[in-house]
């Protein structure tokens, strides 16, 4: 039964694509910027609007039945206000332009925060809303001022992510009509793999699992430097920071014989996703501890290195590993 319904739906959509391209074209992705115009803005009355229309109809019948001219004038004025509200709402959407779309760095299983940058033109655009699936956010745009509206996407998975269709809509000014349009940007973002929690200790230099080195056990102090967000808290020189009124950390030099290797093949007994989660946790720990490291994957080797570019390259490679579920 469900298969026949799905087949019928597919045939109906295919027929709509052929016969009604104006209604279905917004399902296709579009390059940025995306500008809303009269050809892609739709309007329908809300439930409140339908109730208001029914009330006006009753008032009209009563005014005509009793020949009550003031009541008839009031009904016409309310009807005119309702009709004018459609044009006010239309002006809120018409001319709005989506210029850029970006996303915060996110690991699988965490909400992805999308940032949509709108250019409003010369109009003030209040009471706008964005909706994707069950997630919704409200925003307003000042005239001639770009606006960054944030939308959260839950339940992400590693790999490439496409935002899909995003609905922008408003019920301004009276809530009688809902006006909306669709944004389907041709953009994609990389979701990094989830981290293993709690994180295991780092492997020893040859890539085999070992105990995490204690702070100072393999470090030689080589002076002080400014604090970076990736620095481990154990390296903060609190007394020196107080004297200099800025956060300082101990700059350390690792012994040359302690090269850190994160080896995919060395994690025997774990499936593909478990290996990826562990390697992701190790990459982040190594960055936090300021340890140079090499990542060895089945088809490539990254490093040795340290820093933001090394971290991004490693997390990207882990995110794009095929999910074959193989065991070694």
C-alpha atoms as a PDB file:
ATOM      1  CA  UNK A   1       0.000   0.000   0.000  1.00  0.00           C
ATOM      2  CA  UNK A   2       2.751   2.444   0.988  1.00  0.00           C
ATOM      3  CA  UNK A   3       4.742   1.550  -2.149  1.00  0.00           C
ATOM      4  CA  UNK A   4       1.772   2.353  -4.380  1.00  0.00           C
ATOM      5  CA  UNK A   5       1.220   5.695  -2.597  1.00  0.00           C
ATOM      6  CA  UNK A   6       4.921   6.556  -2.987  1.00  0.00           C
ATOM      7  CA  UNK A   7       4.750   5.693  -6.707  1.00  0.00           C
ATOM      8  CA  UNK A   8       1.650   7.842  -7.148  1.00  0.00           C
ATOM      9  CA  UNK A   9       3.330  10.747  -5.373  1.00  0.00           C
ATOM     10  CA  UNK A  10       6.386  10.436  -7.617  1.00  0.00           C
ATOM     11  CA  UNK A  11       4.220  10.492 -10.750  1.00  0.00           C
ATOM     12  CA  UNK A  12       2.259  13.509  -9.497  1.00  0.00           C
ATOM     13  CA  UNK A  13       5.473  15.445  -8.767  1.00  0.00           C
ATOM     14  CA  UNK A  14       6.863  14.533 -12.173  1.00  0.00           C
ATOM     15  CA  UNK A  15       3.660  15.760 -13.837  1.00  0.00           C
ATOM     16  CA  UNK A  16       3.823  18.971 -11.773  1.00  0.00           C
ATOM     17  CA  UNK A  17       7.405  19.557 -12.915  1.00  0.00           C
ATOM     18  CA  UNK A  18       6.245  19.368 -16.521  1.00  0.00           C
ATOM     19  CA  UNK A  19       2.944  21.237 -16.228  1.00  0.00           C
ATOM     20  CA  UNK A  20       3.574  23.681 -13.379  1.00  0.00           C
ATOM     21  CA  UNK A  21       7.246  24.661 -13.437  1.00  0.00           C
ATOM     22  CA  UNK A  22       6.508  27.947 -11.660  1.00  0.00           C
ATOM     23  CA  UNK A  23       5.328  26.049  -8.566  1.00  0.00           C
ATOM     24  CA  UNK A  24       8.059  23.402  -8.448  1.00  0.00           C
ATOM     25  CA  UNK A  25      11.172  25.210  -9.688  1.00  0.00           C
ATOM     26  CA  UNK A  26      12.115  26.297  -6.171  1.00  0.00           C
ATOM     27  CA  UNK A  27      12.970  22.695  -5.320  1.00  0.00           C
ATOM     28  CA  UNK A  28      16.167  23.051  -7.331  1.00  0.00           C
ATOM     29  CA  UNK A  29      19.308  24.570  -5.827  1.00  0.00           C
ATOM     30  CA  UNK A  30      20.212  28.138  -6.742  1.00  0.00           C
ATOM     31  CA  UNK A  31      23.538  29.990  -6.681  1.00  0.00           C
ATOM     32  CA  UNK A  32      23.940  32.895  -4.295  1.00  0.00           C
ATOM     33  CA  UNK A  33      22.815  35.639  -4.117  1.00  0.00           C
ATOM     34  CA  UNK A  34      19.100  34.751  -4.107  1.00  0.00           C
ATOM     35  CA  UNK A  35      16.680  37.662  -4.466  1.00  0.00           C
ATOM     36  CA  UNK A  36      12.988  37.376  -3.670  1.00  0.00           C
ATOM     37  CA  UNK A  37      10.591  38.917  -6.186  1.00  0.00           C
ATOM     38  CA  UNK A  38       6.892  38.768  -6.987  1.00  0.00           C
ATOM     39  CA  UNK A  39       7.257  35.569  -9.008  1.00  0.00           C
ATOM     40  CA  UNK A  40       8.335  33.509  -6.006  1.00  0.00           C
ATOM     41  CA  UNK A  41       6.272  34.940  -3.136  1.00  0.00           C
ATOM     42  CA  UNK A  42       3.136  33.016  -2.149  1.00  0.00           C
ATOM     43  CA  UNK A  43       0.226  34.007   0.102  1.00  0.00           C
ATOM     44  CA  UNK A  44      -2.558  32.160   1.938  1.00  0.00           C
ATOM     45  CA  UNK A  45      -4.909  33.236   4.743  1.00  0.00           C
ATOM     46  CA  UNK A  46      -4.109  32.038   8.241  1.00  0.00           C
ATOM     47  CA  UNK A  47      -6.712  30.391  10.476  1.00  0.00           C
ATOM     48  CA  UNK A  48      -7.146  33.725  12.184  1.00  0.00           C
ATOM     49  CA  UNK A  49      -7.618  35.303   8.754  1.00  0.00           C
ATOM     50  CA  UNK A  50     -10.306  32.771   7.817  1.00  0.00           C
ATOM     51  CA  UNK A  51     -12.128  33.470  11.076  1.00  0.00           C
ATOM     52  CA  UNK A  52     -11.845  37.191  10.464  1.00  0.00           C
ATOM     53  CA  UNK A  53     -13.302  36.739   6.943  1.00  0.00           C
ATOM     54  CA  UNK A  54     -16.222  34.754   8.373  1.00  0.00           C
ATOM     55  CA  UNK A  55     -16.844  37.523  10.918  1.00  0.00           C
ATOM     56  CA  UNK A  56     -16.850  40.166   8.174  1.00  0.00           C
ATOM     57  CA  UNK A  57     -19.313  38.080   6.160  1.00  0.00           C
ATOM     58  CA  UNK A  58     -21.703  37.871   9.134  1.00  0.00           C
ATOM     59  CA  UNK A  59     -21.343  41.610   9.751  1.00  0.00           C
ATOM     60  CA  UNK A  60     -22.064  42.298   6.078  1.00  0.00           C
ATOM     61  CA  UNK A  61     -25.241  40.172   6.142  1.00  0.00           C
ATOM     62  CA  UNK A  62     -26.456  41.881   9.291  1.00  0.00           C
ATOM     63  CA  UNK A  63     -25.752  45.377   7.963  1.00  0.00           C
ATOM     64  CA  UNK A  64     -27.552  44.673   4.685  1.00  0.00           C
ATOM     65  CA  UNK A  65     -30.470  42.940   6.395  1.00  0.00           C
ATOM     66  CA  UNK A  66     -31.129  45.817   8.786  1.00  0.00           C
ATOM     67  CA  UNK A  67     -30.047  48.592   6.433  1.00  0.00           C
ATOM     68  CA  UNK A  68     -27.491  49.796   8.942  1.00  0.00           C
ATOM     69  CA  UNK A  69     -25.186  52.107   7.038  1.00  0.00           C
ATOM     70  CA  UNK A  70     -22.622  52.671   9.865  1.00  0.00           C
ATOM     71  CA  UNK A  71     -22.278  48.898  10.284  1.00  0.00           C
ATOM     72  CA  UNK A  72     -21.859  48.508   6.532  1.00  0.00           C
ATOM     73  CA  UNK A  73     -19.187  51.240   6.510  1.00  0.00           C
ATOM     74  CA  UNK A  74     -17.331  49.557   9.397  1.00  0.00           C
ATOM     75  CA  UNK A  75     -17.417  46.219   7.556  1.00  0.00           C
ATOM     76  CA  UNK A  76     -16.011  47.801   4.410  1.00  0.00           C
ATOM     77  CA  UNK A  77     -13.269  49.565   6.361  1.00  0.00           C
ATOM     78  CA  UNK A  78     -12.227  46.330   8.097  1.00  0.00           C
ATOM     79  CA  UNK A  79     -12.266  44.489   4.767  1.00  0.00           C
ATOM     80  CA  UNK A  80     -10.126  47.188   3.167  1.00  0.00           C
ATOM     81  CA  UNK A  81      -7.640  47.003   6.056  1.00  0.00           C
ATOM     82  CA  UNK A  82      -7.435  43.222   5.646  1.00  0.00           C
ATOM     83  CA  UNK A  83      -6.818  43.575   1.917  1.00  0.00           C
ATOM     84  CA  UNK A  84      -4.165  46.234   2.436  1.00  0.00           C
ATOM     85  CA  UNK A  85      -2.331  44.005   4.930  1.00  0.00           C
ATOM     86  CA  UNK A  86      -1.516  41.628   2.055  1.00  0.00           C
ATOM     87  CA  UNK A  87       0.427  44.366   0.266  1.00  0.00           C
ATOM     88  CA  UNK A  88       2.234  45.399   3.435  1.00  0.00           C
ATOM     89  CA  UNK A  89       3.332  41.807   3.990  1.00  0.00           C
ATOM     90  CA  UNK A  90       4.347  41.472   0.343  1.00  0.00           C
ATOM     91  CA  UNK A  91       6.605  44.531   0.634  1.00  0.00           C
ATOM     92  CA  UNK A  92       8.366  42.923   3.602  1.00  0.00           C
ATOM     93  CA  UNK A  93       9.530  39.974   1.461  1.00  0.00           C
ATOM     94  CA  UNK A  94       9.850  41.533  -1.982  1.00  0.00           C
ATOM     95  CA  UNK A  95      13.420  42.623  -2.724  1.00  0.00           C
ATOM     96  CA  UNK A  96      14.951  40.759   0.223  1.00  0.00           C
ATOM     97  CA  UNK A  97      18.232  39.146  -0.888  1.00  0.00           C
ATOM     98  CA  UNK A  98      20.228  36.273   0.619  1.00  0.00           C
ATOM     99  CA  UNK A  99      23.853  37.234  -0.030  1.00  0.00           C
ATOM    100  CA  UNK A 100      25.920  34.707   1.925  1.00  0.00           C
ATOM    101  CA  UNK A 101      25.486  31.490   3.839  1.00  0.00           C
ATOM    102  CA  UNK A 102      28.066  30.130   6.257  1.00  0.00           C
ATOM    103  CA  UNK A 103      28.187  27.588   9.068  1.00  0.00           C
ATOM    104  CA  UNK A 104      30.085  27.245  12.325  1.00  0.00           C
ATOM    105  CA  UNK A 105      32.598  24.432  12.747  1.00  0.00           C
ATOM    106  CA  UNK A 106      30.617  21.431  13.995  1.00  0.00           C
ATOM    107  CA  UNK A 107      31.203  17.799  14.912  1.00  0.00           C
ATOM    108  CA  UNK A 108      28.707  15.044  14.154  1.00  0.00           C
ATOM    109  CA  UNK A 109      25.913  14.770  16.701  1.00  0.00           C
ATOM    110  CA  UNK A 110      26.121  18.471  17.588  1.00  0.00           C
ATOM    111  CA  UNK A 111      23.709  21.127  16.289  1.00  0.00           C
ATOM    112  CA  UNK A 112      24.963  22.940  13.202  1.00  0.00           C
ATOM    113  CA  UNK A 113      24.484  26.700  13.330  1.00  0.00           C
ATOM    114  CA  UNK A 114      23.804  28.260   9.934  1.00  0.00           C
ATOM    115  CA  UNK A 115      24.279  32.005   9.419  1.00  0.00           C
ATOM    116  CA  UNK A 116      22.261  33.601   6.618  1.00  0.00           C
ATOM    117  CA  UNK A 117      23.307  37.115   5.631  1.00  0.00           C
ATOM    118  CA  UNK A 118      20.433  39.139   4.143  1.00  0.00           C
ATOM    119  CA  UNK A 119      20.602  42.464   2.316  1.00  0.00           C
ATOM    120  CA  UNK A 120      17.335  44.389   2.853  1.00  0.00           C
ATOM    121  CA  UNK A 121      17.668  47.317   0.483  1.00  0.00           C
ATOM    122  CA  UNK A 122      16.063  50.606   1.484  1.00  0.00           C
ATOM    123  CA  UNK A 123      13.106  49.072   3.389  1.00  0.00           C
ATOM    124  CA  UNK A 124      12.726  48.155   7.033  1.00  0.00           C
ATOM    125  CA  UNK A 125      11.671  44.497   7.203  1.00  0.00           C
ATOM    126  CA  UNK A 126      10.214  43.523  10.584  1.00  0.00           C
ATOM    127  CA  UNK A 127       8.747  40.245  11.804  1.00  0.00           C
ATOM    128  CA  UNK A 128      10.523  37.834   9.468  1.00  0.00           C
ATOM    129  CA  UNK A 129      10.957  34.143  10.227  1.00  0.00           C
ATOM    130  CA  UNK A 130      13.069  31.282   8.937  1.00  0.00           C
ATOM    131  CA  UNK A 131      12.057  27.645   9.112  1.00  0.00           C
ATOM    132  CA  UNK A 132      13.880  24.451   8.211  1.00  0.00           C
ATOM    133  CA  UNK A 133      12.089  21.270   9.216  1.00  0.00           C
ATOM    134  CA  UNK A 134      10.936  21.708  12.821  1.00  0.00           C
ATOM    135  CA  UNK A 135      13.460  24.462  13.571  1.00  0.00           C
ATOM    136  CA  UNK A 136      12.400  28.090  13.390  1.00  0.00           C
ATOM    137  CA  UNK A 137      13.927  31.462  14.198  1.00  0.00           C
ATOM    138  CA  UNK A 138      12.659  35.052  14.047  1.00  0.00           C
ATOM    139  CA  UNK A 139      14.601  38.116  12.941  1.00  0.00           C
ATOM    140  CA  UNK A 140      14.162  41.658  11.666  1.00  0.00           C
ATOM    141  CA  UNK A 141      16.215  43.727   9.222  1.00  0.00           C
ATOM    142  CA  UNK A 142      16.914  47.439   9.361  1.00  0.00           C
ATOM    143  CA  UNK A 143      16.972  49.490   6.177  1.00  0.00           C
ATOM    144  CA  UNK A 144      20.336  49.488   4.355  1.00  0.00           C
ATOM    145  CA  UNK A 145      21.918  47.305   7.052  1.00  0.00           C
ATOM    146  CA  UNK A 146      22.884  43.708   6.342  1.00  0.00           C
ATOM    147  CA  UNK A 147      21.465  41.201   8.811  1.00  0.00           C
ATOM    148  CA  UNK A 148      22.938  37.875   9.963  1.00  0.00           C
ATOM    149  CA  UNK A 149      20.128  35.476  10.912  1.00  0.00           C
ATOM    150  CA  UNK A 150      21.116  32.229  12.681  1.00  0.00           C
ATOM    151  CA  UNK A 151      19.311  28.927  12.223  1.00  0.00           C
ATOM    152  CA  UNK A 152      20.182  25.741  14.142  1.00  0.00           C
ATOM    153  CA  UNK A 153      20.161  22.308  12.470  1.00  0.00           C
ATOM    154  CA  UNK A 154      20.034  19.356  14.922  1.00  0.00           C
ATOM    155  CA  UNK A 155      21.246  15.764  14.515  1.00  0.00           C
ATOM    156  CA  UNK A 156      24.112  16.226  12.083  1.00  0.00           C
ATOM    157  CA  UNK A 157      26.243  13.435  10.581  1.00  0.00           C
ATOM    158  CA  UNK A 158      29.841  13.515   9.440  1.00  0.00           C
ATOM    159  CA  UNK A 159      30.548  14.350   5.831  1.00  0.00           C
ATOM    160  CA  UNK A 160      29.115  16.899   3.434  1.00  0.00           C
ATOM    161  CA  UNK A 161      25.875  18.575   4.483  1.00  0.00           C
ATOM    162  CA  UNK A 162      23.470  20.506   2.259  1.00  0.00           C
ATOM    163  CA  UNK A 163      21.019  22.846   4.010  1.00  0.00           C
ATOM    164  CA  UNK A 164      18.182  22.036   1.604  1.00  0.00           C
ATOM    165  CA  UNK A 165      15.133  24.273   1.306  1.00  0.00           C
ATOM    166  CA  UNK A 166      14.697  27.023   3.892  1.00  0.00           C
ATOM    167  CA  UNK A 167      11.368  28.794   4.216  1.00  0.00           C
ATOM    168  CA  UNK A 168      11.319  32.544   4.864  1.00  0.00           C
ATOM    169  CA  UNK A 169       7.896  33.888   5.804  1.00  0.00           C
ATOM    170  CA  UNK A 170       5.934  36.553   7.619  1.00  0.00           C
ATOM    171  CA  UNK A 171       2.425  37.254   8.918  1.00  0.00           C
ATOM    172  CA  UNK A 172       3.035  40.979   9.198  1.00  0.00           C
ATOM    173  CA  UNK A 173       1.179  43.200   9.947  1.00  0.00           C
ATOM    174  CA  UNK A 174      -2.142  41.778  11.217  1.00  0.00           C
ATOM    175  CA  UNK A 175      -1.598  38.018  11.161  1.00  0.00           C
ATOM    176  CA  UNK A 176      -4.433  37.554   8.656  1.00  0.00           C
ATOM    177  CA  UNK A 177      -2.259  36.211   5.827  1.00  0.00           C
ATOM    178  CA  UNK A 178       0.938  34.211   5.676  1.00  0.00           C
ATOM    179  CA  UNK A 179       3.342  35.192   2.916  1.00  0.00           C
ATOM    180  CA  UNK A 180       6.336  32.990   2.208  1.00  0.00           C
ATOM    181  CA  UNK A 181       9.049  32.032  -0.225  1.00  0.00           C
ATOM    182  CA  UNK A 182      11.702  29.303  -0.475  1.00  0.00           C
ATOM    183  CA  UNK A 183      15.472  29.618  -0.303  1.00  0.00           C
ATOM    184  CA  UNK A 184      17.411  26.668  -1.699  1.00  0.00           C
ATOM    185  CA  UNK A 185      21.066  27.780  -1.805  1.00  0.00           C
ATOM    186  CA  UNK A 186      23.625  25.736  -3.675  1.00  0.00           C
ATOM    187  CA  UNK A 187      25.928  25.442  -0.648  1.00  0.00           C
ATOM    188  CA  UNK A 188      27.432  22.577   1.301  1.00  0.00           C
ATOM    189  CA  UNK A 189      29.372  22.346   4.539  1.00  0.00           C
ATOM    190  CA  UNK A 190      31.640  19.706   6.018  1.00  0.00           C
ATOM    191  CA  UNK A 191      30.594  18.159   9.318  1.00  0.00           C
ATOM    192  CA  UNK A 192      33.591  16.848  11.266  1.00  0.00           C
ATOM    193  CA  UNK A 193      33.383  13.408  12.924  1.00  0.00           C
ATOM    194  CA  UNK A 194      32.156  12.981  16.472  1.00  0.00           C
ATOM    195  CA  UNK A 195      34.769  12.756  19.231  1.00  0.00           C
ATOM    196  CA  UNK A 196      35.135   9.717  21.450  1.00  0.00           C
ATOM    197  CA  UNK A 197      34.051  10.528  24.995  1.00  0.00           C
ATOM    198  CA  UNK A 198      35.693  10.263  27.401  1.00  0.00           C
ATOM    199  CA  UNK A 199      38.805  10.762  25.266  1.00  0.00           C
ATOM    200  CA  UNK A 200      41.424   7.997  25.574  1.00  0.00           C
ATOM    201  CA  UNK A 201      45.077   8.795  26.397  1.00  0.00           C
ATOM    202  CA  UNK A 202      47.319   9.731  23.512  1.00  0.00           C
ATOM    203  CA  UNK A 203      49.385   6.957  21.941  1.00  0.00           C
ATOM    204  CA  UNK A 204      53.116   6.796  22.481  1.00  0.00           C
ATOM    205  CA  UNK A 205      55.542   7.902  19.772  1.00  0.00           C
ATOM    206  CA  UNK A 206      55.372   4.699  17.732  1.00  0.00           C
ATOM    207  CA  UNK A 207      51.581   4.801  17.479  1.00  0.00           C
ATOM    208  CA  UNK A 208      50.781   2.114  20.070  1.00  0.00           C
ATOM    209  CA  UNK A 209      48.388   2.954  22.887  1.00  0.00           C
ATOM    210  CA  UNK A 210      50.217   4.198  25.961  1.00  0.00           C
ATOM    211  CA  UNK A 211      49.767   6.305  29.033  1.00  0.00           C
ATOM    212  CA  UNK A 212      49.358  10.010  28.485  1.00  0.00           C
ATOM    213  CA  UNK A 213      52.536  11.871  29.327  1.00  0.00           C
ATOM    214  CA  UNK A 214      52.364  13.873  32.539  1.00  0.00           C
ATOM    215  CA  UNK A 215      52.751  17.618  32.329  1.00  0.00           C
ATOM    216  CA  UNK A 216      56.389  18.518  32.474  1.00  0.00           C
ATOM    217  CA  UNK A 217      57.654  14.945  32.167  1.00  0.00           C
ATOM    218  CA  UNK A 218      58.846  15.482  28.607  1.00  0.00           C
ATOM    219  CA  UNK A 219      58.834  19.264  28.440  1.00  0.00           C
ATOM    220  CA  UNK A 220      61.631  21.752  28.785  1.00  0.00           C
ATOM    221  CA  UNK A 221      60.591  25.306  29.479  1.00  0.00           C
ATOM    222  CA  UNK A 222      61.775  27.629  26.727  1.00  0.00           C
ATOM    223  CA  UNK A 223      60.240  30.918  27.884  1.00  0.00           C
ATOM    224  CA  UNK A 224      56.793  32.482  27.848  1.00  0.00           C
ATOM    225  CA  UNK A 225      54.444  33.407  25.023  1.00  0.00           C
ATOM    226  CA  UNK A 226      50.904  34.750  24.597  1.00  0.00           C
ATOM    227  CA  UNK A 227      48.006  32.395  25.267  1.00  0.00           C
ATOM    228  CA  UNK A 228      46.178  30.761  22.338  1.00  0.00           C
ATOM    229  CA  UNK A 229      42.695  29.172  22.640  1.00  0.00           C
ATOM    230  CA  UNK A 230      44.173  25.766  21.750  1.00  0.00           C
ATOM    231  CA  UNK A 231      46.733  25.852  24.594  1.00  0.00           C
ATOM    232  CA  UNK A 232      46.290  23.402  27.457  1.00  0.00           C
ATOM    233  CA  UNK A 233      45.297  25.035  30.746  1.00  0.00           C
ATOM    234  CA  UNK A 234      48.143  23.229  32.546  1.00  0.00           C
ATOM    235  CA  UNK A 235      50.663  25.325  30.563  1.00  0.00           C
ATOM    236  CA  UNK A 236      49.329  28.690  31.792  1.00  0.00           C
ATOM    237  CA  UNK A 237      51.898  30.629  33.817  1.00  0.00           C
ATOM    238  CA  UNK A 238      49.533  32.227  36.322  1.00  0.00           C
ATOM    239  CA  UNK A 239      52.084  34.236  38.321  1.00  0.00           C
ATOM    240  CA  UNK A 240      53.715  35.696  35.220  1.00  0.00           C
ATOM    241  CA  UNK A 241      50.275  36.451  33.749  1.00  0.00           C
ATOM    242  CA  UNK A 242      49.360  38.497  36.833  1.00  0.00           C
ATOM    243  CA  UNK A 243      52.602  40.489  36.590  1.00  0.00           C
ATOM    244  CA  UNK A 244      52.126  41.279  32.880  1.00  0.00           C
ATOM    245  CA  UNK A 245      48.318  41.809  32.954  1.00  0.00           C
ATOM    246  CA  UNK A 246      47.908  39.323  30.090  1.00  0.00           C
ATOM    247  CA  UNK A 247      47.499  35.578  29.877  1.00  0.00           C
ATOM    248  CA  UNK A 248      50.838  33.847  29.220  1.00  0.00           C
ATOM    249  CA  UNK A 249      51.737  30.191  28.731  1.00  0.00           C
ATOM    250  CA  UNK A 250      54.989  28.288  29.076  1.00  0.00           C
ATOM    251  CA  UNK A 251      56.497  27.617  25.658  1.00  0.00           C
ATOM    252  CA  UNK A 252      57.772  24.056  25.605  1.00  0.00           C
ATOM    253  CA  UNK A 253      60.056  22.077  23.374  1.00  0.00           C
ATOM    254  CA  UNK A 254      59.401  18.368  22.935  1.00  0.00           C
ATOM    255  CA  UNK A 255      62.197  15.889  22.879  1.00  0.00           C
ATOM    256  CA  UNK A 256      62.987  14.916  19.320  1.00  0.00           C
ATOM    257  CA  UNK A 257      62.488  11.192  20.010  1.00  0.00           C
ATOM    258  CA  UNK A 258      58.812  11.604  20.950  1.00  0.00           C
ATOM    259  CA  UNK A 259      57.141  11.992  17.564  1.00  0.00           C
ATOM    260  CA  UNK A 260      53.385  11.388  17.855  1.00  0.00           C
ATOM    261  CA  UNK A 261      51.765   9.134  15.254  1.00  0.00           C
ATOM    262  CA  UNK A 262      47.991   8.614  15.050  1.00  0.00           C
ATOM    263  CA  UNK A 263      47.590   5.437  13.019  1.00  0.00           C
ATOM    264  CA  UNK A 264      44.228   4.203  11.691  1.00  0.00           C
ATOM    265  CA  UNK A 265      45.586   0.695  11.066  1.00  0.00           C
ATOM    266  CA  UNK A 266      46.915   0.414  14.613  1.00  0.00           C
ATOM    267  CA  UNK A 267      43.414   0.583  16.161  1.00  0.00           C
ATOM    268  CA  UNK A 268      42.626  -3.107  15.815  1.00  0.00           C
ATOM    269  CA  UNK A 269      39.375  -4.460  17.169  1.00  0.00           C
ATOM    270  CA  UNK A 270      37.411  -1.267  16.451  1.00  0.00           C
ATOM    271  CA  UNK A 271      34.992  -0.701  13.586  1.00  0.00           C
ATOM    272  CA  UNK A 272      35.377   2.172  11.151  1.00  0.00           C
ATOM    273  CA  UNK A 273      33.262   4.728  13.024  1.00  0.00           C
ATOM    274  CA  UNK A 274      34.894   3.910  16.373  1.00  0.00           C
ATOM    275  CA  UNK A 275      38.348   4.398  14.841  1.00  0.00           C
ATOM    276  CA  UNK A 276      37.307   7.716  13.335  1.00  0.00           C
ATOM    277  CA  UNK A 277      35.906   8.953  16.649  1.00  0.00           C
ATOM    278  CA  UNK A 278      39.099   7.990  18.492  1.00  0.00           C
ATOM    279  CA  UNK A 279      41.395   9.585  15.924  1.00  0.00           C
ATOM    280  CA  UNK A 280      39.286  12.745  16.019  1.00  0.00           C
ATOM    281  CA  UNK A 281      39.644  12.908  19.799  1.00  0.00           C
ATOM    282  CA  UNK A 282      43.399  12.375  19.526  1.00  0.00           C
ATOM    283  CA  UNK A 283      43.795  15.134  16.922  1.00  0.00           C
ATOM    284  CA  UNK A 284      42.019  17.619  19.201  1.00  0.00           C
ATOM    285  CA  UNK A 285      44.000  16.513  22.267  1.00  0.00           C
ATOM    286  CA  UNK A 286      47.299  16.801  20.386  1.00  0.00           C
ATOM    287  CA  UNK A 287      46.375  20.312  19.246  1.00  0.00           C
ATOM    288  CA  UNK A 288      45.397  21.320  22.765  1.00  0.00           C
ATOM    289  CA  UNK A 289      48.692  19.958  24.132  1.00  0.00           C
ATOM    290  CA  UNK A 290      50.679  21.655  21.320  1.00  0.00           C
ATOM    291  CA  UNK A 291      52.217  18.357  20.200  1.00  0.00           C
ATOM    292  CA  UNK A 292      53.256  17.879  16.600  1.00  0.00           C
ATOM    293  CA  UNK A 293      51.592  14.789  15.142  1.00  0.00           C
ATOM    294  CA  UNK A 294      51.154  12.676  12.024  1.00  0.00           C
ATOM    295  CA  UNK A 295      47.835  11.148  10.972  1.00  0.00           C
ATOM    296  CA  UNK A 296      48.047   7.893   9.019  1.00  0.00           C
ATOM    297  CA  UNK A 297      44.914   6.832   7.136  1.00  0.00           C
ATOM    298  CA  UNK A 298      44.394   3.945   4.670  1.00  0.00           C
ATOM    299  CA  UNK A 299      44.957   6.149   1.597  1.00  0.00           C
ATOM    300  CA  UNK A 300      46.978   9.099   2.851  1.00  0.00           C
ATOM    301  CA  UNK A 301      49.348  10.411   5.489  1.00  0.00           C
ATOM    302  CA  UNK A 302      49.013  13.933   6.857  1.00  0.00           C
ATOM    303  CA  UNK A 303      51.823  15.658   8.703  1.00  0.00           C
ATOM    304  CA  UNK A 304      53.814  15.864  10.768  1.00  0.00           C
ATOM    305  CA  UNK A 305      52.503  19.250  11.719  1.00  0.00           C
ATOM    306  CA  UNK A 306      50.645  21.371  14.231  1.00  0.00           C
ATOM    307  CA  UNK A 307      48.203  24.254  14.040  1.00  0.00           C
ATOM    308  CA  UNK A 308      44.844  25.220  12.602  1.00  0.00           C
ATOM    309  CA  UNK A 309      45.589  24.143   9.019  1.00  0.00           C
ATOM    310  CA  UNK A 310      46.902  20.741  10.161  1.00  0.00           C
ATOM    311  CA  UNK A 311      43.850  20.222  12.379  1.00  0.00           C
ATOM    312  CA  UNK A 312      41.410  21.166   9.606  1.00  0.00           C
ATOM    313  CA  UNK A 313      43.147  18.918   7.067  1.00  0.00           C
ATOM    314  CA  UNK A 314      43.091  15.947   9.453  1.00  0.00           C
ATOM    315  CA  UNK A 315      39.451  16.438  10.467  1.00  0.00           C
ATOM    316  CA  UNK A 316      38.456  16.842   6.822  1.00  0.00           C
ATOM    317  CA  UNK A 317      40.168  13.585   5.866  1.00  0.00           C
ATOM    318  CA  UNK A 318      38.498  11.762   8.771  1.00  0.00           C
ATOM    319  CA  UNK A 319      35.096  13.207   7.902  1.00  0.00           C
ATOM    320  CA  UNK A 320      35.325  11.976   4.306  1.00  0.00           C
ATOM    321  CA  UNK A 321      36.459   8.425   5.073  1.00  0.00           C
ATOM    322  CA  UNK A 322      33.962   5.917   3.601  1.00  0.00           C
ATOM    323  CA  UNK A 323      31.563   4.391   6.140  1.00  0.00           C
ATOM    324  CA  UNK A 324      32.166   0.775   5.140  1.00  0.00           C
ATOM    325  CA  UNK A 325      32.108  -0.671   8.655  1.00  0.00           C
ATOM    326  CA  UNK A 326      35.175  -2.785   7.912  1.00  0.00           C
ATOM    327  CA  UNK A 327      37.273  -4.416  10.616  1.00  0.00           C
ATOM    328  CA  UNK A 328      40.977  -5.088  10.494  1.00  0.00           C
END
